[in-house]
Amino acid sequence: MAGVDYHYELRGGDELVATGHLSREQPLEVGDRLEVGGQPAIVRTIEPLLGEPELRLLLRLVWDGS
């Protein structure tokens, strides 16, 4: 299995916190939780990127109690 490549945007509210690339053996789904750069995040959107092999991944920081 080749895995899935993503270009991610990590956001906290309206603020862009980080961007980058990540690869996963298993595909992510909306609602999945993961850590990016030591920050807990939740997957909000997964979209194809036109002409790119990666998928666009929009992540939101998970604050205490959410």
N, C-alpha and C. Protein backbone atom coordinates (compact mmCIF):
# COMPACT_ATOMS: atom_id res chain seq x y z
N MET A 1 0.85 -1.19 0.00
CA MET A 1 0.00 0.00 0.00
C MET A 1 0.89 1.25 0.00
N ALA A 2 0.59 2.17 -0.89
CA ALA A 2 1.44 3.34 -1.09
C ALA A 2 1.22 4.41 -0.04
N GLY A 3 0.05 4.49 0.58
CA GLY A 3 -0.23 5.55 1.54
C GLY A 3 -0.86 6.75 0.87
N VAL A 4 -1.13 7.76 1.67
CA VAL A 4 -1.80 8.97 1.20
C VAL A 4 -0.96 10.18 1.60
N ASP A 5 -0.75 11.12 0.68
CA ASP A 5 0.00 12.33 0.95
C ASP A 5 -0.94 13.52 1.06
N TYR A 6 -0.64 14.40 2.02
CA TYR A 6 -1.48 15.56 2.29
C TYR A 6 -0.64 16.83 2.35
N HIS A 7 -1.22 17.93 1.92
CA HIS A 7 -0.71 19.28 2.20
C HIS A 7 -1.68 19.84 3.22
N TYR A 8 -1.19 20.13 4.43
CA TYR A 8 -2.12 20.55 5.48
C TYR A 8 -2.00 22.03 5.83
N GLU A 9 -3.10 22.55 6.34
CA GLU A 9 -3.17 23.87 6.95
C GLU A 9 -3.72 23.65 8.36
N LEU A 10 -2.98 24.07 9.35
CA LEU A 10 -3.41 23.97 10.74
C LEU A 10 -3.87 25.35 11.18
N ARG A 11 -5.11 25.43 11.62
CA ARG A 11 -5.70 26.71 12.02
C ARG A 11 -6.19 26.67 13.45
N GLY A 12 -6.06 27.81 14.10
CA GLY A 12 -6.61 28.02 15.43
C GLY A 12 -7.57 29.19 15.30
N GLY A 13 -8.86 28.90 15.24
CA GLY A 13 -9.84 29.95 14.93
C GLY A 13 -9.61 30.40 13.50
N ASP A 14 -9.49 31.72 13.28
CA ASP A 14 -9.24 32.25 11.94
C ASP A 14 -7.75 32.36 11.63
N GLU A 15 -6.89 32.06 12.61
CA GLU A 15 -5.45 32.23 12.45
C GLU A 15 -4.80 30.98 11.85
N LEU A 16 -3.98 31.18 10.82
CA LEU A 16 -3.19 30.11 10.24
C LEU A 16 -1.99 29.89 11.15
N VAL A 17 -1.88 28.70 11.73
CA VAL A 17 -0.82 28.39 12.68
C VAL A 17 0.37 27.74 11.99
N ALA A 18 0.11 26.83 11.05
CA ALA A 18 1.20 26.13 10.36
C ALA A 18 0.69 25.52 9.06
N THR A 19 1.62 25.28 8.15
CA THR A 19 1.34 24.52 6.94
C THR A 19 2.45 23.50 6.77
N GLY A 20 2.18 22.47 6.00
CA GLY A 20 3.21 21.48 5.76
C GLY A 20 2.67 20.30 4.99
N HIS A 21 3.47 19.26 4.97
CA HIS A 21 3.13 18.04 4.25
C HIS A 21 3.21 16.87 5.22
N LEU A 22 2.32 15.92 5.06
CA LEU A 22 2.41 14.70 5.84
C LEU A 22 1.91 13.54 5.02
N SER A 23 2.39 12.37 5.36
CA SER A 23 1.99 11.13 4.69
C SER A 23 1.46 10.18 5.74
N ARG A 24 0.46 9.42 5.36
CA ARG A 24 -0.15 8.43 6.26
C ARG A 24 -0.33 7.13 5.50
N GLU A 25 -0.14 6.02 6.19
CA GLU A 25 -0.40 4.73 5.57
C GLU A 25 -1.90 4.54 5.33
N GLN A 26 -2.71 4.95 6.31
CA GLN A 26 -4.17 4.86 6.21
C GLN A 26 -4.73 6.25 5.95
N PRO A 27 -5.72 6.37 5.07
CA PRO A 27 -6.30 7.69 4.80
C PRO A 27 -7.01 8.27 6.02
N LEU A 28 -6.94 9.58 6.13
CA LEU A 28 -7.66 10.28 7.19
C LEU A 28 -9.10 10.53 6.77
N GLU A 29 -9.96 10.74 7.76
CA GLU A 29 -11.36 11.08 7.51
C GLU A 29 -11.72 12.31 8.33
N VAL A 30 -12.72 13.06 7.88
CA VAL A 30 -13.21 14.21 8.63
C VAL A 30 -13.61 13.74 10.03
N GLY A 31 -13.15 14.48 11.04
CA GLY A 31 -13.43 14.12 12.42
C GLY A 31 -12.30 13.38 13.11
N ASP A 32 -11.33 12.85 12.32
CA ASP A 32 -10.18 12.18 12.93
C ASP A 32 -9.36 13.17 13.72
N ARG A 33 -8.76 12.68 14.80
CA ARG A 33 -7.86 13.50 15.62
C ARG A 33 -6.44 13.01 15.44
N LEU A 34 -5.50 13.96 15.40
CA LEU A 34 -4.09 13.64 15.29
C LEU A 34 -3.26 14.76 15.88
N GLU A 35 -1.97 14.53 16.02
CA GLU A 35 -1.06 15.57 16.49
C GLU A 35 -0.20 16.03 15.34
N VAL A 36 -0.05 17.34 15.23
CA VAL A 36 0.81 17.95 14.22
C VAL A 36 1.74 18.90 14.95
N GLY A 37 3.02 18.63 14.90
CA GLY A 37 3.99 19.48 15.61
C GLY A 37 3.72 19.54 17.10
N GLY A 38 3.23 18.44 17.67
CA GLY A 38 2.94 18.40 19.10
C GLY A 38 1.63 19.05 19.49
N GLN A 39 0.87 19.54 18.50
CA GLN A 39 -0.40 20.20 18.76
C GLN A 39 -1.56 19.26 18.41
N PRO A 40 -2.53 19.07 19.32
CA PRO A 40 -3.68 18.23 18.99
C PRO A 40 -4.58 18.95 17.98
N ALA A 41 -5.02 18.20 16.97
CA ALA A 41 -5.84 18.79 15.91
C ALA A 41 -6.92 17.80 15.49
N ILE A 42 -7.94 18.35 14.83
CA ILE A 42 -9.02 17.54 14.30
C ILE A 42 -9.18 17.87 12.81
N VAL A 43 -9.43 16.84 12.01
CA VAL A 43 -9.60 17.01 10.57
C VAL A 43 -10.97 17.63 10.31
N ARG A 44 -10.99 18.76 9.60
CA ARG A 44 -12.23 19.45 9.26
C ARG A 44 -12.61 19.30 7.80
N THR A 45 -11.61 19.28 6.90
CA THR A 45 -11.88 19.19 5.47
C THR A 45 -10.77 18.41 4.78
N ILE A 46 -11.15 17.60 3.81
CA ILE A 46 -10.19 16.91 2.94
C ILE A 46 -10.68 17.13 1.51
N GLU A 47 -9.80 17.73 0.68
CA GLU A 47 -10.17 18.06 -0.69
C GLU A 47 -9.04 17.71 -1.64
N PRO A 48 -9.36 17.38 -2.89
CA PRO A 48 -8.29 17.19 -3.87
C PRO A 48 -7.66 18.54 -4.23
N LEU A 49 -6.38 18.50 -4.59
CA LEU A 49 -5.69 19.67 -5.11
C LEU A 49 -5.54 19.49 -6.61
N LEU A 50 -6.11 20.40 -7.38
CA LEU A 50 -6.10 20.30 -8.83
C LEU A 50 -4.68 20.14 -9.37
N GLY A 51 -4.44 19.08 -10.09
CA GLY A 51 -3.15 18.86 -10.72
C GLY A 51 -2.06 18.39 -9.77
N GLU A 52 -2.40 18.08 -8.53
CA GLU A 52 -1.41 17.65 -7.54
C GLU A 52 -1.74 16.25 -7.04
N PRO A 53 -0.73 15.47 -6.69
CA PRO A 53 -1.00 14.13 -6.15
C PRO A 53 -1.45 14.16 -4.69
N GLU A 54 -1.23 15.28 -4.00
CA GLU A 54 -1.61 15.41 -2.60
C GLU A 54 -3.06 15.82 -2.46
N LEU A 55 -3.60 15.59 -1.28
CA LEU A 55 -4.91 16.11 -0.90
C LEU A 55 -4.71 17.30 0.02
N ARG A 56 -5.62 18.27 -0.02
CA ARG A 56 -5.59 19.42 0.89
C ARG A 56 -6.30 19.00 2.17
N LEU A 57 -5.64 19.21 3.29
CA LEU A 57 -6.14 18.81 4.59
C LEU A 57 -6.26 20.05 5.47
N LEU A 58 -7.47 20.38 5.89
CA LEU A 58 -7.68 21.51 6.79
C LEU A 58 -7.86 20.96 8.20
N LEU A 59 -6.97 21.38 9.10
CA LEU A 59 -6.99 20.93 10.49
C LEU A 59 -7.29 22.11 11.40
N ARG A 60 -8.00 21.85 12.47
CA ARG A 60 -8.27 22.86 13.50
C ARG A 60 -7.63 22.41 14.80
N LEU A 61 -6.99 23.35 15.48
CA LEU A 61 -6.47 23.04 16.80
C LEU A 61 -7.59 22.62 17.73
N VAL A 62 -7.30 21.67 18.59
CA VAL A 62 -8.26 21.23 19.59
C VAL A 62 -7.89 21.90 20.90
N TRP A 63 -8.77 22.73 21.40
CA TRP A 63 -8.54 23.41 22.66
C TRP A 63 -9.05 22.55 23.79
N ASP A 64 -8.59 22.77 25.00
CA ASP A 64 -9.06 22.02 26.17
C ASP A 64 -10.58 22.08 26.25
N GLY A 65 -11.19 20.92 26.43
CA GLY A 65 -12.63 20.87 26.57
C GLY A 65 -13.40 20.77 25.28
N SER A 66 -12.69 20.70 24.12
CA SER A 66 -13.44 20.59 22.85
C SER A 66 -13.34 19.22 22.26
